[in-house]
Amino acid sequence: MTTYVELGALIVALFLLYLLMRFLKNPSHILANSILGIIAFLILDLFGFGIPINIISVGIVAIGGLTGLLLIIILHILGIGF
């Protein structure tokens, strides 16, 4: 008998597999998103937003692109990290 946790994990895994296949069809989209995220991150630093540039924050932005930058901004505003 499967539990709700296992069923939820299966649904999340299938969704992540779908997203992975969707992004791998066009790798230039991932590259452009990462470059735009890093450029936006540097622009925020120029205007003195206060997020420190270190290996972790740059790594999150490089992998997540604009979404990763949004995550770092939210964490910075909430005072949880960065």
Protein backbone atom coordinates (compact mmCIF):
# COMPACT_ATOMS: atom_id res chain seq x y z
CA MET A 1 0.00 0.00 0.00
CA THR A 2 1.43 3.36 -1.00
CA THR A 3 1.29 6.35 1.27
CA TYR A 4 0.51 9.91 0.36
CA VAL A 5 4.17 10.86 0.80
CA GLU A 6 5.29 8.28 -1.74
CA LEU A 7 2.57 9.32 -4.15
CA GLY A 8 3.53 12.99 -3.73
CA ALA A 9 7.20 12.17 -4.26
CA LEU A 10 6.33 10.32 -7.47
CA ILE A 11 4.31 13.27 -8.77
CA VAL A 12 7.14 15.70 -7.95
CA ALA A 13 9.71 13.42 -9.60
CA LEU A 14 7.61 13.14 -12.76
CA PHE A 15 7.14 16.91 -12.85
CA LEU A 16 10.89 17.49 -12.46
CA LEU A 17 11.57 14.96 -15.21
CA TYR A 18 9.14 16.83 -17.47
CA LEU A 19 10.89 20.15 -16.72
CA LEU A 20 14.30 18.60 -17.34
CA MET A 21 13.24 17.24 -20.72
CA ARG A 22 11.66 20.57 -21.63
CA PHE A 23 14.82 22.52 -20.81
CA LEU A 24 17.17 20.06 -22.50
CA LYS A 25 15.38 20.50 -25.81
CA ASN A 26 16.69 24.05 -26.00
CA PRO A 27 19.92 24.50 -24.02
CA SER A 28 20.39 28.05 -25.28
CA HIS A 29 17.40 29.04 -23.15
CA ILE A 30 19.21 27.85 -20.01
CA LEU A 31 22.40 29.67 -20.99
CA ALA A 32 20.59 32.92 -21.75
CA ASN A 33 18.67 32.74 -18.46
CA SER A 34 21.89 32.21 -16.51
CA ILE A 35 23.67 35.09 -18.24
CA LEU A 36 20.71 37.43 -17.70
CA GLY A 37 20.58 36.44 -14.04
CA ILE A 38 24.27 37.14 -13.50
CA ILE A 39 24.05 40.49 -15.32
CA ALA A 40 21.01 41.49 -13.24
CA PHE A 41 22.86 40.39 -10.09
CA LEU A 42 25.82 42.62 -10.97
CA ILE A 43 23.49 45.54 -11.74
CA LEU A 44 21.87 45.12 -8.32
CA ASP A 45 25.35 45.22 -6.79
CA LEU A 46 26.17 48.43 -8.67
CA PHE A 47 23.09 50.11 -7.19
CA GLY A 48 24.09 49.00 -3.70
CA PHE A 49 21.31 46.53 -2.97
CA GLY A 50 23.46 44.95 -0.26
CA ILE A 51 23.58 41.32 -1.33
CA PRO A 52 27.15 40.06 -0.92
CA ILE A 53 28.74 38.51 -3.98
CA ASN A 54 30.26 35.19 -2.93
CA ILE A 55 30.61 31.74 -4.44
CA ILE A 56 27.27 30.53 -3.06
CA SER A 57 25.17 33.46 -4.24
CA VAL A 58 26.80 33.51 -7.69
CA GLY A 59 26.35 29.73 -7.96
CA ILE A 60 22.64 29.98 -7.16
CA VAL A 61 22.18 32.75 -9.72
CA ALA A 62 24.23 30.89 -12.35
CA ILE A 63 22.20 27.72 -11.92
CA GLY A 64 18.80 29.30 -11.35
CA GLY A 65 19.10 32.32 -13.60
CA LEU A 66 16.53 35.01 -12.96
CA THR A 67 14.56 32.66 -10.71
CA GLY A 68 17.65 32.06 -8.60
CA LEU A 69 18.20 35.81 -8.37
CA LEU A 70 14.61 36.24 -7.20
CA LEU A 71 15.20 33.57 -4.55
CA ILE A 72 18.33 35.35 -3.29
CA ILE A 73 16.51 38.71 -3.19
CA ILE A 74 13.64 37.20 -1.18
CA LEU A 75 16.05 35.53 1.24
CA HIS A 76 17.95 38.80 1.62
CA ILE A 77 14.79 40.83 2.28
CA LEU A 78 13.52 38.32 4.83
CA GLY A 79 16.89 38.27 6.54
CA ILE A 80 17.22 34.50 6.26
CA GLY A 81 20.40 34.45 4.23
CA PHE A 82 22.77 36.65 2.27
